[in-house]
Amino acid sequence: MTESTGFSAAEQAAIAERAQELRAQRGGKKKADALQDLLAKIEEMPEQDRAMAVAVHRIVTEAAPELEPRTWYGMPAYARGTDVLVFLQVSSKFGVRYTTLG
């Protein structure tokens, strides 16, 4: 008997990515590695989402260089310490119409 968790496959994948991110943080992952992960995630995106993610990355790093780039649920994010202050949830990730900048 299978039990439904109520999460879509995309949501379950995002949860699994977040678990990996937390394990990497506990393991003492370096800031340079976090930046490389973020840039790799941007490269994996479809062209339209990638263009927006590159623009957001450029704007955030120029306007707030003190924020640390990282991934959050497999999406680009920028944090101060452990608090995520800016994130980008692209529309293609969850099959929705609009991209969210939070």
Protein backbone atom coordinates (compact mmCIF):
# COMPACT_ATOMS: atom_id res chain seq x y z
CA MET A 1 0.00 0.00 0.00
CA THR A 2 1.42 3.37 -0.97
CA GLU A 3 0.77 6.47 1.04
CA SER A 4 0.44 9.91 -0.55
CA THR A 5 2.40 12.68 1.15
CA GLY A 6 0.33 15.42 -0.46
CA PHE A 7 3.41 16.84 -2.19
CA SER A 8 3.92 16.85 -5.96
CA ALA A 9 7.00 15.21 -7.45
CA ALA A 10 8.60 18.65 -7.96
CA GLU A 11 7.92 19.58 -4.33
CA GLN A 12 9.39 16.29 -3.12
CA ALA A 13 12.50 16.92 -5.24
CA ALA A 14 12.84 20.42 -3.74
CA ILE A 15 12.55 18.99 -0.23
CA ALA A 16 15.26 16.44 -1.04
CA GLU A 17 17.50 19.21 -2.41
CA ARG A 18 16.98 21.24 0.76
CA ALA A 19 17.99 18.22 2.86
CA GLN A 20 21.21 17.95 0.83
CA GLU A 21 21.87 21.67 1.33
CA LEU A 22 21.46 21.32 5.09
CA ARG A 23 23.84 18.34 5.19
CA ALA A 24 26.41 20.35 3.21
CA GLN A 25 26.08 23.29 5.62
CA ARG A 26 26.67 21.04 8.62
CA GLY A 27 29.67 19.59 6.82
CA GLY A 28 31.31 23.02 6.70
CA LYS A 29 30.78 23.77 3.03
CA LYS A 30 32.75 26.81 1.89
CA LYS A 31 31.17 29.98 0.48
CA ALA A 32 32.95 29.42 -2.84
CA ASP A 33 31.32 25.99 -3.11
CA ALA A 34 27.90 27.53 -2.40
CA LEU A 35 28.45 30.08 -5.18
CA GLN A 36 29.46 27.32 -7.59
CA ASP A 37 26.31 25.36 -6.68
CA LEU A 38 24.18 28.46 -7.33
CA LEU A 39 25.81 29.10 -10.70
CA ALA A 40 25.39 25.43 -11.65
CA LYS A 41 21.67 25.61 -10.81
CA ILE A 42 21.33 28.71 -12.97
CA GLU A 43 23.04 26.92 -15.88
CA GLU A 44 20.57 24.00 -15.60
CA MET A 45 17.56 26.30 -16.06
CA PRO A 46 15.66 26.74 -19.34
CA GLU A 47 16.81 29.80 -21.32
CA GLN A 48 14.01 32.16 -20.25
CA ASP A 49 14.43 31.35 -16.55
CA ARG A 50 18.22 31.40 -16.85
CA ALA A 51 18.18 34.95 -18.29
CA MET A 52 16.09 36.16 -15.37
CA ALA A 53 18.23 34.32 -12.81
CA VAL A 54 21.43 35.80 -14.25
CA ALA A 55 19.92 39.30 -14.10
CA VAL A 56 18.77 38.81 -10.50
CA HIS A 57 22.20 37.43 -9.54
CA ARG A 58 23.93 40.46 -11.08
CA ILE A 59 21.58 42.94 -9.39
CA VAL A 60 21.79 41.33 -5.95
CA THR A 61 25.57 40.93 -5.99
CA GLU A 62 26.03 44.56 -7.10
CA ALA A 63 23.45 46.08 -4.75
CA ALA A 64 24.15 43.91 -1.70
CA PRO A 65 27.62 42.35 -1.96
CA GLU A 66 27.49 41.39 1.73
CA LEU A 67 24.82 38.75 1.01
CA GLU A 68 26.09 35.21 0.55
CA PRO A 69 24.91 33.43 -2.62
CA ARG A 70 23.61 29.89 -2.05
CA THR A 71 20.83 27.56 -3.06
CA TRP A 72 17.59 27.20 -1.14
CA TYR A 73 15.31 24.31 -2.06
CA GLY A 74 17.41 24.02 -5.21
CA MET A 75 16.76 27.63 -6.25
CA PRO A 76 19.09 30.66 -6.24
CA ALA A 77 19.06 32.53 -2.93
CA TYR A 78 21.05 35.14 -1.05
CA ALA A 79 21.48 35.08 2.71
CA ARG A 80 22.96 36.91 5.64
CA GLY A 81 24.16 34.24 8.02
CA THR A 82 21.46 31.58 8.17
CA ASP A 83 18.62 33.90 7.10
CA VAL A 84 17.63 33.87 3.44
CA LEU A 85 16.79 37.44 2.44
CA VAL A 86 16.29 37.05 -1.33
CA PHE A 87 15.28 34.00 -3.35
CA LEU A 88 14.18 33.26 -6.90
CA GLN A 89 11.65 30.52 -7.62
CA VAL A 90 11.52 30.03 -11.37
CA SER A 91 8.26 29.15 -13.06
CA SER A 92 9.60 26.04 -14.78
CA LYS A 93 10.51 24.36 -11.47
CA PHE A 94 6.92 23.81 -10.37
CA GLY A 95 5.11 24.27 -13.68
CA VAL A 96 3.52 27.57 -12.71
CA ARG A 97 2.90 30.64 -14.82
CA TYR A 98 5.04 33.21 -13.02
CA THR A 99 8.51 33.34 -11.51
CA THR A 100 8.63 34.48 -7.88
CA LEU A 101 11.23 36.82 -6.44
CA GLY A 102 10.98 36.85 -2.67
